[in-house]
Amino acid sequence: MDGSPEFDKRARGDRAKNLLDDPVLQDALAEIRSNIHAQWEALSVDDSDTLYRLKVAIHTLNSIERQLENYVEERDVDILQEDIEKKYKDRT
């Protein structure tokens, strides 16, 4: 990344999109999520410490995916904004 905010936003968004589209990463995330749910179902109700840890783990996993999606959206908005600015500039 060359340090310019536009490049950073776009490069980050491109990399995030590649990660979200990567079947190996998606399989890994699905397997982790499945393991967390399996552990959750096997716990006794009085194991509040483990329940809490699993809740944090699933929340963290969801947050990572959500942040990657946000990076892609930021990139898309940046591209659309640039297109609008070019069209406006061409009119003047």
N, C-alpha and C. Protein backbone atom coordinates (compact mmCIF):
# COMPACT_ATOMS: atom_id res chain seq x y z
N MET A 1 0.84 -1.18 0.00
CA MET A 1 0.00 0.00 0.00
C MET A 1 0.88 1.23 0.00
N ASP A 2 0.51 2.23 -0.79
CA ASP A 2 1.41 3.37 -0.99
C ASP A 2 1.19 4.51 0.00
N GLY A 3 0.29 4.35 0.96
CA GLY A 3 0.09 5.38 1.96
C GLY A 3 -1.06 6.32 1.68
N SER A 4 -1.52 6.41 0.42
CA SER A 4 -2.65 7.29 0.13
C SER A 4 -3.93 6.61 0.61
N PRO A 5 -4.84 7.39 1.23
CA PRO A 5 -6.06 6.79 1.78
C PRO A 5 -6.89 6.04 0.75
N GLU A 6 -6.97 6.56 -0.48
CA GLU A 6 -7.78 5.90 -1.50
C GLU A 6 -7.21 4.52 -1.84
N PHE A 7 -5.88 4.49 -2.00
CA PHE A 7 -5.24 3.22 -2.31
C PHE A 7 -5.41 2.23 -1.17
N ASP A 8 -5.23 2.70 0.06
CA ASP A 8 -5.37 1.82 1.21
C ASP A 8 -6.78 1.23 1.28
N LYS A 9 -7.77 2.08 1.08
CA LYS A 9 -9.16 1.64 1.15
C LYS A 9 -9.46 0.60 0.08
N ARG A 10 -8.99 0.87 -1.11
CA ARG A 10 -9.25 -0.05 -2.22
C ARG A 10 -8.47 -1.34 -2.09
N ALA A 11 -7.19 -1.23 -1.77
CA ALA A 11 -6.36 -2.43 -1.62
C ALA A 11 -6.89 -3.29 -0.48
N ARG A 12 -7.24 -2.65 0.62
CA ARG A 12 -7.78 -3.38 1.77
C ARG A 12 -9.09 -4.05 1.39
N GLY A 13 -9.95 -3.32 0.67
CA GLY A 13 -11.22 -3.89 0.23
C GLY A 13 -11.04 -5.05 -0.73
N ASP A 14 -10.07 -4.91 -1.64
CA ASP A 14 -9.78 -6.00 -2.58
C ASP A 14 -9.31 -7.25 -1.84
N ARG A 15 -8.40 -7.04 -0.90
CA ARG A 15 -7.89 -8.19 -0.14
C ARG A 15 -8.97 -8.82 0.71
N ALA A 16 -9.82 -7.98 1.30
CA ALA A 16 -10.93 -8.51 2.10
C ALA A 16 -11.88 -9.33 1.23
N LYS A 17 -12.18 -8.83 0.03
CA LYS A 17 -13.06 -9.55 -0.89
C LYS A 17 -12.45 -10.89 -1.27
N ASN A 18 -11.15 -10.90 -1.54
CA ASN A 18 -10.47 -12.16 -1.86
C ASN A 18 -10.56 -13.15 -0.71
N LEU A 19 -10.41 -12.66 0.51
CA LEU A 19 -10.53 -13.54 1.67
C LEU A 19 -11.95 -14.08 1.81
N LEU A 20 -12.93 -13.20 1.67
CA LEU A 20 -14.33 -13.63 1.80
C LEU A 20 -14.72 -14.63 0.72
N ASP A 21 -14.09 -14.53 -0.45
CA ASP A 21 -14.38 -15.44 -1.55
C ASP A 21 -13.52 -16.70 -1.53
N ASP A 22 -12.57 -16.77 -0.61
CA ASP A 22 -11.66 -17.91 -0.56
C ASP A 22 -12.36 -19.12 0.07
N PRO A 23 -12.53 -20.20 -0.69
CA PRO A 23 -13.24 -21.37 -0.16
C PRO A 23 -12.52 -22.04 1.01
N VAL A 24 -11.20 -21.97 1.04
CA VAL A 24 -10.46 -22.57 2.15
C VAL A 24 -10.75 -21.80 3.44
N LEU A 25 -10.71 -20.47 3.36
CA LEU A 25 -11.02 -19.67 4.54
C LEU A 25 -12.47 -19.89 4.98
N GLN A 26 -13.38 -19.92 4.03
CA GLN A 26 -14.79 -20.12 4.37
C GLN A 26 -15.02 -21.49 5.01
N ASP A 27 -14.34 -22.52 4.50
CA ASP A 27 -14.44 -23.84 5.12
C ASP A 27 -13.89 -23.82 6.55
N ALA A 28 -12.77 -23.14 6.73
CA ALA A 28 -12.17 -23.05 8.06
C ALA A 28 -13.10 -22.34 9.03
N LEU A 29 -13.68 -21.23 8.60
CA LEU A 29 -14.60 -20.49 9.46
C LEU A 29 -15.84 -21.32 9.80
N ALA A 30 -16.35 -22.03 8.81
CA ALA A 30 -17.52 -22.88 9.04
C ALA A 30 -17.20 -24.01 10.01
N GLU A 31 -16.01 -24.59 9.87
CA GLU A 31 -15.62 -25.67 10.77
C GLU A 31 -15.42 -25.15 12.20
N ILE A 32 -14.81 -24.00 12.32
CA ILE A 32 -14.63 -23.40 13.66
C ILE A 32 -16.00 -23.12 14.29
N ARG A 33 -16.89 -22.52 13.51
CA ARG A 33 -18.23 -22.22 14.01
C ARG A 33 -18.96 -23.50 14.43
N SER A 34 -18.83 -24.53 13.62
CA SER A 34 -19.47 -25.82 13.93
C SER A 34 -18.89 -26.43 15.21
N ASN A 35 -17.58 -26.36 15.36
CA ASN A 35 -16.95 -26.88 16.58
C ASN A 35 -17.40 -26.11 17.82
N ILE A 36 -17.52 -24.81 17.69
CA ILE A 36 -17.99 -24.00 18.82
C ILE A 36 -19.40 -24.42 19.22
N HIS A 37 -20.26 -24.57 18.22
CA HIS A 37 -21.65 -24.98 18.52
C HIS A 37 -21.70 -26.39 19.12
N ALA A 38 -20.88 -27.29 18.63
CA ALA A 38 -20.84 -28.65 19.19
C ALA A 38 -20.40 -28.62 20.64
N GLN A 39 -19.38 -27.82 20.94
CA GLN A 39 -18.92 -27.69 22.33
C GLN A 39 -20.01 -27.08 23.20
N TRP A 40 -20.70 -26.10 22.65
CA TRP A 40 -21.75 -25.42 23.39
C TRP A 40 -22.86 -26.41 23.76
N GLU A 41 -23.27 -27.22 22.79
CA GLU A 41 -24.34 -28.18 23.03
C GLU A 41 -23.94 -29.25 24.03
N ALA A 42 -22.66 -29.58 24.11
CA ALA A 42 -22.19 -30.65 25.01
C ALA A 42 -21.98 -30.17 26.44
N LEU A 43 -22.03 -28.88 26.67
CA LEU A 43 -21.74 -28.34 28.01
C LEU A 43 -22.91 -28.55 28.96
N SER A 44 -22.54 -28.65 30.21
CA SER A 44 -23.59 -28.63 31.23
C SER A 44 -23.98 -27.17 31.49
N VAL A 45 -25.16 -26.99 31.97
CA VAL A 45 -25.68 -25.64 32.17
C VAL A 45 -24.91 -24.85 33.22
N ASP A 46 -24.28 -25.53 34.14
CA ASP A 46 -23.57 -24.82 35.21
C ASP A 46 -22.12 -24.49 34.85
N ASP A 47 -21.69 -24.78 33.64
CA ASP A 47 -20.33 -24.45 33.20
C ASP A 47 -20.32 -23.06 32.57
N SER A 48 -20.55 -22.07 33.39
CA SER A 48 -20.71 -20.70 32.88
C SER A 48 -19.41 -20.13 32.31
N ASP A 49 -18.26 -20.54 32.84
CA ASP A 49 -16.99 -20.03 32.31
C ASP A 49 -16.79 -20.46 30.86
N THR A 50 -17.02 -21.73 30.58
CA THR A 50 -16.85 -22.23 29.21
C THR A 50 -17.92 -21.65 28.30
N LEU A 51 -19.13 -21.53 28.80
CA LEU A 51 -20.20 -20.91 28.00
C LEU A 51 -19.81 -19.49 27.60
N TYR A 52 -19.24 -18.77 28.53
CA TYR A 52 -18.81 -17.40 28.25
C TYR A 52 -17.69 -17.39 27.20
N ARG A 53 -16.70 -18.27 27.36
CA ARG A 53 -15.59 -18.34 26.40
C ARG A 53 -16.09 -18.67 24.99
N LEU A 54 -17.04 -19.58 24.90
CA LEU A 54 -17.59 -19.94 23.58
C LEU A 54 -18.37 -18.79 22.98
N LYS A 55 -19.09 -18.06 23.82
CA LYS A 55 -19.83 -16.89 23.36
C LYS A 55 -18.87 -15.84 22.81
N VAL A 56 -17.77 -15.61 23.52
CA VAL A 56 -16.76 -14.66 23.06
C VAL A 56 -16.15 -15.14 21.75
N ALA A 57 -15.89 -16.43 21.64
CA ALA A 57 -15.28 -16.98 20.42
C ALA A 57 -16.19 -16.77 19.22
N ILE A 58 -17.47 -17.06 19.35
CA ILE A 58 -18.40 -16.89 18.22
C ILE A 58 -18.58 -15.41 17.89
N HIS A 59 -18.59 -14.59 18.92
CA HIS A 59 -18.69 -13.14 18.70
C HIS A 59 -17.47 -12.62 17.94
N THR A 60 -16.30 -13.10 18.30
CA THR A 60 -15.06 -12.69 17.64
C THR A 60 -15.06 -13.14 16.18
N LEU A 61 -15.47 -14.37 15.94
CA LEU A 61 -15.54 -14.90 14.58
C LEU A 61 -16.49 -14.06 13.73
N ASN A 62 -17.65 -13.75 14.27
CA ASN A 62 -18.62 -12.91 13.55
C ASN A 62 -18.07 -11.51 13.30
N SER A 63 -17.35 -10.97 14.28
CA SER A 63 -16.79 -9.63 14.13
C SER A 63 -15.74 -9.58 13.02
N ILE A 64 -14.94 -10.62 12.91
CA ILE A 64 -13.93 -10.67 11.85
C ILE A 64 -14.61 -10.67 10.48
N GLU A 65 -15.61 -11.52 10.32
CA GLU A 65 -16.32 -11.57 9.04
C GLU A 65 -16.99 -10.24 8.73
N ARG A 66 -17.61 -9.65 9.73
CA ARG A 66 -18.29 -8.36 9.55
C ARG A 66 -17.31 -7.27 9.16
N GLN A 67 -16.13 -7.27 9.78
CA GLN A 67 -15.14 -6.24 9.45
C GLN A 67 -14.63 -6.40 8.03
N LEU A 68 -14.41 -7.63 7.59
CA LEU A 68 -13.99 -7.86 6.20
C LEU A 68 -15.07 -7.36 5.24
N GLU A 69 -16.34 -7.62 5.56
CA GLU A 69 -17.44 -7.13 4.72
C GLU A 69 -17.47 -5.61 4.70
N ASN A 70 -17.18 -4.99 5.84
CA ASN A 70 -17.13 -3.52 5.90
C ASN A 70 -16.04 -2.96 5.01
N TYR A 71 -14.88 -3.62 4.99
CA TYR A 71 -13.79 -3.17 4.12
C TYR A 71 -14.20 -3.22 2.65
N VAL A 72 -14.91 -4.27 2.28
CA VAL A 72 -15.38 -4.39 0.89
C VAL A 72 -16.39 -3.29 0.58
N GLU A 73 -17.29 -3.03 1.51
CA GLU A 73 -18.27 -1.96 1.31
C GLU A 73 -17.61 -0.59 1.21
N GLU A 74 -16.62 -0.33 2.05
CA GLU A 74 -15.89 0.94 1.98
C GLU A 74 -15.22 1.11 0.62
N ARG A 75 -14.63 0.03 0.12
CA ARG A 75 -14.00 0.07 -1.20
C ARG A 75 -15.04 0.39 -2.27
N ASP A 76 -16.18 -0.28 -2.21
CA ASP A 76 -17.23 -0.07 -3.21
C ASP A 76 -17.77 1.36 -3.18
N VAL A 77 -17.95 1.88 -1.99
CA VAL A 77 -18.42 3.27 -1.84
C VAL A 77 -17.37 4.23 -2.40
N ASP A 78 -16.12 3.96 -2.12
CA ASP A 78 -15.03 4.81 -2.62
C ASP A 78 -15.02 4.81 -4.15
N ILE A 79 -15.19 3.65 -4.76
CA ILE A 79 -15.21 3.56 -6.22
C ILE A 79 -16.41 4.31 -6.79
N LEU A 80 -17.58 4.13 -6.19
CA LEU A 80 -18.78 4.84 -6.65
C LEU A 80 -18.63 6.34 -6.51
N GLN A 81 -18.05 6.77 -5.40
CA GLN A 81 -17.86 8.20 -5.18
C GLN A 81 -16.92 8.78 -6.23
N GLU A 82 -15.87 8.06 -6.55
CA GLU A 82 -14.94 8.53 -7.58
C GLU A 82 -15.63 8.61 -8.94
N ASP A 83 -16.46 7.62 -9.25
CA ASP A 83 -17.19 7.63 -10.52
C ASP A 83 -18.12 8.84 -10.61
N ILE A 84 -18.80 9.14 -9.53
CA ILE A 84 -19.72 10.29 -9.49
C ILE A 84 -18.93 11.58 -9.66
N GLU A 85 -17.81 11.69 -8.97
CA GLU A 85 -16.97 12.89 -9.09
C GLU A 85 -16.46 13.07 -10.52
N LYS A 86 -16.09 11.99 -11.18
CA LYS A 86 -15.62 12.07 -12.57
C LYS A 86 -16.73 12.53 -13.49
N LYS A 87 -17.93 11.98 -13.29
CA LYS A 87 -19.07 12.37 -14.14
C LYS A 87 -19.41 13.84 -13.94
N TYR A 88 -19.35 14.28 -12.69
CA TYR A 88 -19.64 15.70 -12.39
C TYR A 88 -18.58 16.58 -13.02
N LYS A 89 -17.34 16.18 -12.91
CA LYS A 89 -16.22 16.95 -13.45
C LYS A 89 -16.32 17.04 -14.98
N ASP A 90 -16.73 15.94 -15.61
CA ASP A 90 -16.88 15.91 -17.07
C ASP A 90 -17.98 16.86 -17.55
N ARG A 91 -18.97 17.10 -16.72
CA ARG A 91 -20.08 17.97 -17.08
C ARG A 91 -19.69 19.45 -17.01
N THR A 92 -18.72 19.75 -16.20
CA THR A 92 -18.36 21.17 -16.02
C THR A 92 -17.32 21.64 -16.99
